[in-house]
């Protein structure tokens, strides 16, 4: 690894750390603002909103995440099925390394009929996400 790529790696880590720290700072400032609003409301004698509403505003929407994850898994499963179906009968050669004389060693990997069903596993994971989402939405 030369100096340029090492510098880029360190710079990327620094930027990501700075971003995470800034996000934490913004969350803290929001909590401080809510605290000040509650103190001002107490001083005026106004009834305070329940804390659960403030907590719910900050939580992730699990139903939306399940929908997104389910659709991603389904699209991966369908695309993997279609790609492997199109590649049936072809053989791919991968460089496995060097032999003792320094010559490259190539490994032949054939795509056999039936491998396209690997995509069915991805499709099943996506459908299970959507089923959990549907059952969770029904409970509300």
N, C-alpha and C. Protein backbone atom coordinates (compact mmCIF):
# COMPACT_ATOMS: atom_id res chain seq x y z
N UNK A 1 0.86 -1.17 0.00
CA UNK A 1 0.00 0.00 0.00
C UNK A 1 0.91 1.23 0.00
N UNK A 2 0.73 2.10 -0.99
CA UNK A 2 1.55 3.29 -1.07
C UNK A 2 0.95 4.42 -0.22
N UNK A 3 1.64 5.55 -0.20
CA UNK A 3 1.23 6.67 0.65
C UNK A 3 -0.15 7.21 0.27
N UNK A 4 -0.44 7.29 -1.03
CA UNK A 4 -1.70 7.86 -1.49
C UNK A 4 -2.91 7.07 -1.05
N UNK A 5 -2.86 5.75 -1.21
CA UNK A 5 -4.01 4.93 -0.82
C UNK A 5 -4.15 4.87 0.70
N UNK A 6 -3.02 4.87 1.42
CA UNK A 6 -3.08 4.90 2.89
C UNK A 6 -3.69 6.20 3.39
N UNK A 7 -3.30 7.30 2.75
CA UNK A 7 -3.86 8.60 3.12
C UNK A 7 -5.36 8.64 2.85
N UNK A 8 -5.77 8.10 1.70
CA UNK A 8 -7.21 8.08 1.38
C UNK A 8 -7.98 7.23 2.39
N UNK A 9 -7.40 6.12 2.81
CA UNK A 9 -8.05 5.26 3.79
C UNK A 9 -8.23 6.00 5.12
N UNK A 10 -7.17 6.64 5.58
CA UNK A 10 -7.25 7.38 6.84
C UNK A 10 -8.23 8.55 6.72
N UNK A 11 -8.21 9.23 5.57
CA UNK A 11 -9.13 10.35 5.36
C UNK A 11 -10.58 9.87 5.35
N UNK A 12 -10.83 8.71 4.72
CA UNK A 12 -12.20 8.17 4.70
C UNK A 12 -12.66 7.80 6.11
N UNK A 13 -11.79 7.20 6.89
CA UNK A 13 -12.14 6.86 8.27
C UNK A 13 -12.42 8.13 9.07
N UNK A 14 -11.60 9.16 8.86
CA UNK A 14 -11.80 10.42 9.58
C UNK A 14 -13.12 11.08 9.19
N UNK A 15 -13.46 11.05 7.91
CA UNK A 15 -14.72 11.64 7.46
C UNK A 15 -15.90 10.88 8.05
N UNK A 16 -15.85 9.55 8.01
CA UNK A 16 -16.95 8.75 8.57
C UNK A 16 -17.09 8.96 10.07
N UNK A 17 -15.97 9.06 10.78
CA UNK A 17 -16.01 9.32 12.21
C UNK A 17 -16.58 10.70 12.49
N UNK A 18 -16.17 11.69 11.69
CA UNK A 18 -16.72 13.04 11.85
C UNK A 18 -18.20 13.09 11.59
N UNK A 19 -18.65 12.35 10.59
CA UNK A 19 -20.09 12.30 10.28
C UNK A 19 -20.86 11.68 11.44
N UNK A 20 -20.36 10.56 11.97
CA UNK A 20 -21.04 9.91 13.09
C UNK A 20 -21.07 10.82 14.31
N UNK A 21 -19.96 11.53 14.56
CA UNK A 21 -19.93 12.45 15.70
C UNK A 21 -20.92 13.60 15.50
N UNK A 22 -21.02 14.10 14.28
CA UNK A 22 -21.97 15.19 14.00
C UNK A 22 -23.41 14.71 14.20
N UNK A 23 -23.71 13.50 13.78
CA UNK A 23 -25.06 12.95 13.99
C UNK A 23 -25.37 12.83 15.48
N UNK A 24 -24.40 12.38 16.25
CA UNK A 24 -24.60 12.28 17.70
C UNK A 24 -24.80 13.67 18.31
N UNK A 25 -24.05 14.66 17.84
CA UNK A 25 -24.20 16.02 18.32
C UNK A 25 -25.61 16.55 18.02
N UNK A 26 -26.11 16.27 16.81
CA UNK A 26 -27.46 16.72 16.47
C UNK A 26 -28.52 16.05 17.35
N UNK A 27 -28.36 14.76 17.62
CA UNK A 27 -29.31 14.07 18.50
C UNK A 27 -29.27 14.66 19.90
N UNK A 28 -28.07 14.95 20.38
CA UNK A 28 -27.94 15.54 21.71
C UNK A 28 -28.61 16.91 21.75
N UNK A 29 -28.39 17.72 20.74
CA UNK A 29 -29.00 19.04 20.69
C UNK A 29 -30.53 18.94 20.67
N UNK A 30 -31.04 17.94 19.99
CA UNK A 30 -32.50 17.75 19.96
C UNK A 30 -33.03 17.39 21.34
N UNK A 31 -32.30 16.51 22.04
CA UNK A 31 -32.72 16.14 23.39
C UNK A 31 -32.65 17.34 24.34
N UNK A 32 -31.61 18.17 24.18
CA UNK A 32 -31.50 19.38 25.00
C UNK A 32 -32.67 20.32 24.72
N UNK A 33 -33.04 20.47 23.45
CA UNK A 33 -34.16 21.33 23.09
C UNK A 33 -35.47 20.81 23.70
N UNK A 34 -35.69 19.51 23.65
CA UNK A 34 -36.90 18.93 24.25
C UNK A 34 -36.90 19.17 25.76
N UNK A 35 -35.73 19.02 26.38
CA UNK A 35 -35.62 19.24 27.82
C UNK A 35 -35.97 20.69 28.17
N UNK A 36 -35.43 21.63 27.40
CA UNK A 36 -35.72 23.05 27.66
C UNK A 36 -37.20 23.37 27.45
N UNK A 37 -37.80 22.78 26.42
CA UNK A 37 -39.23 23.00 26.18
C UNK A 37 -40.05 22.47 27.36
N UNK A 38 -39.68 21.32 27.87
CA UNK A 38 -40.41 20.75 29.01
C UNK A 38 -40.25 21.60 30.26
N UNK A 39 -39.04 22.12 30.49
CA UNK A 39 -38.82 23.00 31.64
C UNK A 39 -39.64 24.29 31.51
N UNK A 40 -39.67 24.86 30.31
CA UNK A 40 -40.46 26.08 30.09
C UNK A 40 -41.94 25.80 30.30
N UNK A 41 -42.41 24.64 29.85
CA UNK A 41 -43.82 24.29 30.05
C UNK A 41 -44.13 24.11 31.53
N UNK A 42 -43.21 23.52 32.27
CA UNK A 42 -43.42 23.37 33.71
C UNK A 42 -43.50 24.72 34.40
N UNK A 43 -42.64 25.65 33.99
CA UNK A 43 -42.66 26.98 34.60
C UNK A 43 -43.97 27.71 34.34
N UNK A 44 -44.54 27.50 33.17
CA UNK A 44 -45.81 28.17 32.83
C UNK A 44 -47.02 27.42 33.36
N UNK A 45 -46.83 26.21 33.80
CA UNK A 45 -47.94 25.44 34.31
C UNK A 45 -48.71 24.70 33.22
N UNK A 46 -48.14 24.59 32.03
CA UNK A 46 -48.78 23.89 30.92
C UNK A 46 -48.57 22.39 31.10
N UNK A 47 -49.58 21.61 30.72
CA UNK A 47 -49.45 20.16 30.84
C UNK A 47 -48.43 19.65 29.84
N UNK A 48 -47.58 18.75 30.31
CA UNK A 48 -46.51 18.23 29.46
C UNK A 48 -47.03 17.12 28.56
N UNK A 49 -46.52 17.05 27.33
CA UNK A 49 -46.90 15.91 26.47
C UNK A 49 -46.25 14.64 27.03
N UNK A 50 -46.89 13.51 26.80
CA UNK A 50 -46.29 12.27 27.32
C UNK A 50 -44.94 11.99 26.66
N UNK A 51 -44.06 11.39 27.44
CA UNK A 51 -42.71 11.10 26.96
C UNK A 51 -42.74 10.04 25.87
N UNK A 52 -43.72 9.14 25.90
CA UNK A 52 -43.78 8.07 24.90
C UNK A 52 -43.88 8.63 23.49
N UNK A 53 -44.61 9.73 23.33
CA UNK A 53 -44.73 10.33 21.99
C UNK A 53 -43.37 10.81 21.50
N UNK A 54 -42.59 11.37 22.39
CA UNK A 54 -41.26 11.83 21.99
C UNK A 54 -40.35 10.64 21.66
N UNK A 55 -40.50 9.56 22.40
CA UNK A 55 -39.69 8.37 22.13
C UNK A 55 -40.11 7.76 20.81
N UNK A 56 -41.42 7.70 20.54
CA UNK A 56 -41.89 7.11 19.29
C UNK A 56 -41.43 7.91 18.08
N UNK A 57 -41.29 9.22 18.22
CA UNK A 57 -40.83 10.03 17.09
C UNK A 57 -39.42 9.67 16.70
N UNK A 58 -38.60 9.25 17.66
CA UNK A 58 -37.21 8.95 17.37
C UNK A 58 -36.96 7.53 16.94
N UNK A 59 -37.94 6.64 17.09
CA UNK A 59 -37.72 5.24 16.74
C UNK A 59 -37.80 5.03 15.23
N UNK A 60 -37.20 3.94 14.80
CA UNK A 60 -37.23 3.58 13.39
C UNK A 60 -38.59 2.99 13.07
N UNK A 61 -39.00 3.16 11.84
CA UNK A 61 -40.24 2.58 11.38
C UNK A 61 -39.95 1.15 10.91
N UNK A 62 -40.23 0.19 11.78
CA UNK A 62 -39.89 -1.21 11.49
C UNK A 62 -40.67 -1.73 10.29
N UNK A 63 -41.91 -1.31 10.15
CA UNK A 63 -42.72 -1.78 9.02
C UNK A 63 -42.10 -1.35 7.69
N UNK A 64 -41.60 -0.13 7.65
CA UNK A 64 -40.98 0.36 6.41
C UNK A 64 -39.67 -0.38 6.12
N UNK A 65 -38.91 -0.68 7.18
CA UNK A 65 -37.66 -1.41 6.99
C UNK A 65 -37.94 -2.83 6.51
N UNK A 66 -38.97 -3.48 7.06
CA UNK A 66 -39.33 -4.83 6.62
C UNK A 66 -39.78 -4.83 5.16
N UNK A 67 -40.54 -3.83 4.76
CA UNK A 67 -40.98 -3.74 3.37
C UNK A 67 -39.78 -3.57 2.46
N UNK A 68 -38.88 -2.65 2.80
CA UNK A 68 -37.70 -2.41 1.98
C UNK A 68 -36.83 -3.66 1.89
N UNK A 69 -36.54 -4.29 3.03
CA UNK A 69 -35.70 -5.48 3.04
C UNK A 69 -36.35 -6.62 2.25
N UNK A 70 -37.65 -6.78 2.41
CA UNK A 70 -38.35 -7.83 1.66
C UNK A 70 -38.28 -7.62 0.16
N UNK A 71 -38.47 -6.39 -0.27
CA UNK A 71 -38.41 -6.12 -1.71
C UNK A 71 -36.99 -6.30 -2.25
N UNK A 72 -35.99 -5.93 -1.46
CA UNK A 72 -34.60 -6.12 -1.90
C UNK A 72 -34.29 -7.61 -2.04
N UNK A 73 -34.67 -8.41 -1.04
CA UNK A 73 -34.41 -9.85 -1.10
C UNK A 73 -35.15 -10.50 -2.27
N UNK A 74 -36.39 -10.09 -2.50
CA UNK A 74 -37.15 -10.65 -3.62
C UNK A 74 -36.49 -10.30 -4.94
N UNK A 75 -36.07 -9.05 -5.11
CA UNK A 75 -35.44 -8.66 -6.37
C UNK A 75 -34.10 -9.39 -6.56
N UNK A 76 -33.35 -9.59 -5.47
CA UNK A 76 -32.12 -10.37 -5.58
C UNK A 76 -32.39 -11.82 -5.98
N UNK A 77 -33.42 -12.40 -5.38
CA UNK A 77 -33.75 -13.79 -5.71
C UNK A 77 -34.20 -13.96 -7.14
N UNK A 78 -35.06 -13.08 -7.61
CA UNK A 78 -35.55 -13.18 -8.99
C UNK A 78 -34.40 -12.94 -9.98
N UNK A 79 -33.58 -11.93 -9.71
CA UNK A 79 -32.48 -11.65 -10.64
C UNK A 79 -31.44 -12.76 -10.63
N UNK A 80 -31.14 -13.33 -9.47
CA UNK A 80 -30.20 -14.44 -9.40
C UNK A 80 -30.75 -15.65 -10.16
N UNK A 81 -32.03 -15.92 -10.03
CA UNK A 81 -32.65 -17.02 -10.76
C UNK A 81 -32.53 -16.80 -12.27
N UNK A 82 -32.84 -15.59 -12.72
CA UNK A 82 -32.80 -15.31 -14.15
C UNK A 82 -31.37 -15.35 -14.69
N UNK A 83 -30.41 -14.81 -13.96
CA UNK A 83 -29.02 -14.81 -14.42
C UNK A 83 -28.48 -16.24 -14.50
N UNK A 84 -28.73 -17.03 -13.46
CA UNK A 84 -28.22 -18.41 -13.49
C UNK A 84 -28.93 -19.25 -14.54
N UNK A 85 -30.19 -18.96 -14.81
CA UNK A 85 -30.89 -19.66 -15.88
C UNK A 85 -30.26 -19.33 -17.23
N UNK A 86 -29.89 -18.08 -17.43
CA UNK A 86 -29.26 -17.68 -18.69
C UNK A 86 -27.86 -18.26 -18.84
N UNK A 87 -27.18 -18.55 -17.73
CA UNK A 87 -25.79 -19.03 -17.79
C UNK A 87 -25.67 -20.56 -17.76
N UNK A 88 -26.77 -21.28 -17.75
CA UNK A 88 -26.71 -22.75 -17.68
C UNK A 88 -25.95 -23.29 -18.88
N UNK A 89 -25.04 -24.20 -18.61
CA UNK A 89 -24.26 -24.85 -19.65
C UNK A 89 -22.93 -24.16 -19.93
N UNK A 90 -22.70 -22.99 -19.42
CA UNK A 90 -21.44 -22.30 -19.65
C UNK A 90 -20.44 -22.69 -18.56
N UNK A 91 -19.17 -22.54 -18.89
CA UNK A 91 -18.10 -22.83 -17.94
C UNK A 91 -17.25 -21.58 -17.77
N UNK A 92 -16.98 -21.24 -16.53
CA UNK A 92 -16.15 -20.09 -16.22
C UNK A 92 -14.80 -20.58 -15.69
N UNK A 93 -13.74 -19.87 -16.06
CA UNK A 93 -12.39 -20.23 -15.62
C UNK A 93 -11.87 -19.13 -14.71
N UNK A 94 -11.46 -19.54 -13.50
CA UNK A 94 -10.95 -18.60 -12.51
C UNK A 94 -9.49 -18.91 -12.21
N UNK A 95 -8.71 -17.87 -12.04
CA UNK A 95 -7.30 -18.02 -11.69
C UNK A 95 -7.22 -18.41 -10.22
N UNK A 96 -6.68 -19.61 -9.96
CA UNK A 96 -6.65 -20.14 -8.61
C UNK A 96 -5.32 -19.84 -7.92
N UNK A 97 -4.33 -19.46 -8.68
CA UNK A 97 -3.01 -19.17 -8.11
C UNK A 97 -1.93 -19.59 -9.08
N UNK A 98 -0.76 -19.88 -8.53
CA UNK A 98 0.39 -20.29 -9.35
C UNK A 98 0.84 -21.68 -8.94
N UNK A 99 1.29 -22.45 -9.94
CA UNK A 99 1.86 -23.75 -9.60
C UNK A 99 3.32 -23.55 -9.17
N UNK A 100 4.05 -24.65 -8.96
CA UNK A 100 5.42 -24.53 -8.43
C UNK A 100 6.40 -23.97 -9.45
N UNK A 101 5.98 -23.90 -10.72
CA UNK A 101 6.85 -23.33 -11.76
C UNK A 101 6.49 -21.88 -12.07
N UNK A 102 5.49 -21.35 -11.37
CA UNK A 102 5.10 -19.96 -11.60
C UNK A 102 4.03 -19.77 -12.66
N UNK A 103 3.50 -20.87 -13.15
CA UNK A 103 2.45 -20.79 -14.17
C UNK A 103 1.09 -20.66 -13.49
N UNK A 104 0.18 -19.90 -14.10
CA UNK A 104 -1.15 -19.76 -13.47
C UNK A 104 -1.93 -21.06 -13.52
N UNK A 105 -2.67 -21.30 -12.45
CA UNK A 105 -3.54 -22.48 -12.36
C UNK A 105 -4.97 -21.99 -12.52
N UNK A 106 -5.66 -22.52 -13.51
CA UNK A 106 -7.04 -22.11 -13.79
C UNK A 106 -7.99 -23.21 -13.37
N UNK A 107 -9.09 -22.83 -12.74
CA UNK A 107 -10.09 -23.78 -12.28
C UNK A 107 -11.35 -23.55 -13.11
N UNK A 108 -11.89 -24.64 -13.66
CA UNK A 108 -13.11 -24.56 -14.45
C UNK A 108 -14.32 -24.77 -13.54
N UNK A 109 -15.26 -23.82 -13.58
CA UNK A 109 -16.48 -23.92 -12.78
C UNK A 109 -17.67 -23.91 -13.74
N UNK A 110 -18.29 -25.08 -13.94
CA UNK A 110 -19.44 -25.10 -14.84
C UNK A 110 -20.71 -24.66 -14.11
N UNK A 111 -21.61 -24.02 -14.85
CA UNK A 111 -22.92 -23.66 -14.32
C UNK A 111 -23.87 -24.75 -14.78
N UNK A 112 -24.28 -25.58 -13.85
CA UNK A 112 -25.11 -26.74 -14.18
C UNK A 112 -26.58 -26.42 -14.03
N UNK A 113 -27.39 -27.23 -14.69
CA UNK A 113 -28.83 -27.08 -14.57
C UNK A 113 -29.25 -27.37 -13.13
N UNK A 114 -30.07 -26.54 -12.58
CA UNK A 114 -30.52 -26.68 -11.21
C UNK A 114 -29.90 -25.65 -10.28
N UNK A 115 -28.81 -25.03 -10.71
CA UNK A 115 -28.18 -24.01 -9.86
C UNK A 115 -29.02 -22.75 -9.76
N UNK A 116 -29.91 -22.56 -10.73
CA UNK A 116 -30.74 -21.35 -10.70
C UNK A 116 -31.68 -21.34 -9.51
N UNK A 117 -31.91 -22.50 -8.90
CA UNK A 117 -32.83 -22.56 -7.77
C UNK A 117 -32.23 -21.96 -6.50
N UNK A 118 -30.96 -21.57 -6.55
CA UNK A 118 -30.36 -20.86 -5.43
C UNK A 118 -31.13 -19.56 -5.18
N UNK A 119 -31.61 -18.95 -6.24
CA UNK A 119 -32.38 -17.71 -6.12
C UNK A 119 -33.67 -17.90 -5.33
N UNK A 120 -34.16 -19.13 -5.26
CA UNK A 120 -35.38 -19.39 -4.50
C UNK A 120 -35.20 -19.11 -3.01
N UNK A 121 -34.00 -19.35 -2.49
CA UNK A 121 -33.72 -19.05 -1.09
C UNK A 121 -33.84 -17.56 -0.81
N UNK A 122 -33.26 -16.74 -1.68
CA UNK A 122 -33.36 -15.29 -1.53
C UNK A 122 -34.81 -14.84 -1.62
N UNK A 123 -35.53 -15.42 -2.57
CA UNK A 123 -36.95 -15.09 -2.73
C UNK A 123 -37.74 -15.45 -1.48
N UNK A 124 -37.43 -16.60 -0.87
CA UNK A 124 -38.12 -17.01 0.35
C UNK A 124 -37.84 -16.06 1.51
N UNK A 125 -36.61 -15.58 1.63
CA UNK A 125 -36.30 -14.62 2.69
C UNK A 125 -37.10 -13.34 2.50
N UNK A 126 -37.18 -12.88 1.25
CA UNK A 126 -37.95 -11.66 0.97
C UNK A 126 -39.43 -11.83 1.26
N UNK A 127 -39.98 -12.98 0.88
CA UNK A 127 -41.40 -13.23 1.17
C UNK A 127 -41.65 -13.31 2.66
N UNK A 128 -40.71 -13.89 3.41
CA UNK A 128 -40.89 -13.96 4.86
C UNK A 128 -40.87 -12.56 5.47
N UNK A 129 -40.04 -11.67 4.95
CA UNK A 129 -40.05 -10.28 5.43
C UNK A 129 -41.43 -9.64 5.18
N UNK A 130 -41.98 -9.86 4.00
CA UNK A 130 -43.27 -9.26 3.68
C UNK A 130 -44.39 -9.87 4.51
N UNK A 131 -44.31 -11.17 4.81
CA UNK A 131 -45.32 -11.80 5.66
C UNK A 131 -45.26 -11.24 7.07
N UNK A 132 -44.06 -11.09 7.61
CA UNK A 132 -43.91 -10.51 8.96
C UNK A 132 -44.44 -9.08 8.97
N UNK A 133 -44.18 -8.34 7.91
CA UNK A 133 -44.68 -6.97 7.82
C UNK A 133 -46.21 -6.96 7.80
N UNK A 134 -46.81 -7.85 7.02
CA UNK A 134 -48.27 -7.91 6.92
C UNK A 134 -48.89 -8.29 8.26
N UNK A 135 -48.30 -9.25 8.96
CA UNK A 135 -48.82 -9.64 10.26
C UNK A 135 -48.65 -8.55 11.29
N UNK A 136 -47.53 -7.81 11.23
CA UNK A 136 -47.31 -6.71 12.15
C UNK A 136 -48.26 -5.56 11.89
N UNK A 137 -48.58 -5.30 10.62
CA UNK A 137 -49.52 -4.23 10.30
C UNK A 137 -50.93 -4.60 10.72
N UNK A 138 -51.26 -5.88 10.69
CA UNK A 138 -52.59 -6.32 11.07
C UNK A 138 -52.81 -6.16 12.58
N UNK A 139 -51.74 -6.31 13.38
CA UNK A 139 -51.85 -6.22 14.84
C UNK A 139 -52.13 -4.80 15.30
N UNK A 140 -51.79 -3.83 14.51
CA UNK A 140 -52.00 -2.43 14.93
C UNK A 140 -53.43 -2.11 15.01
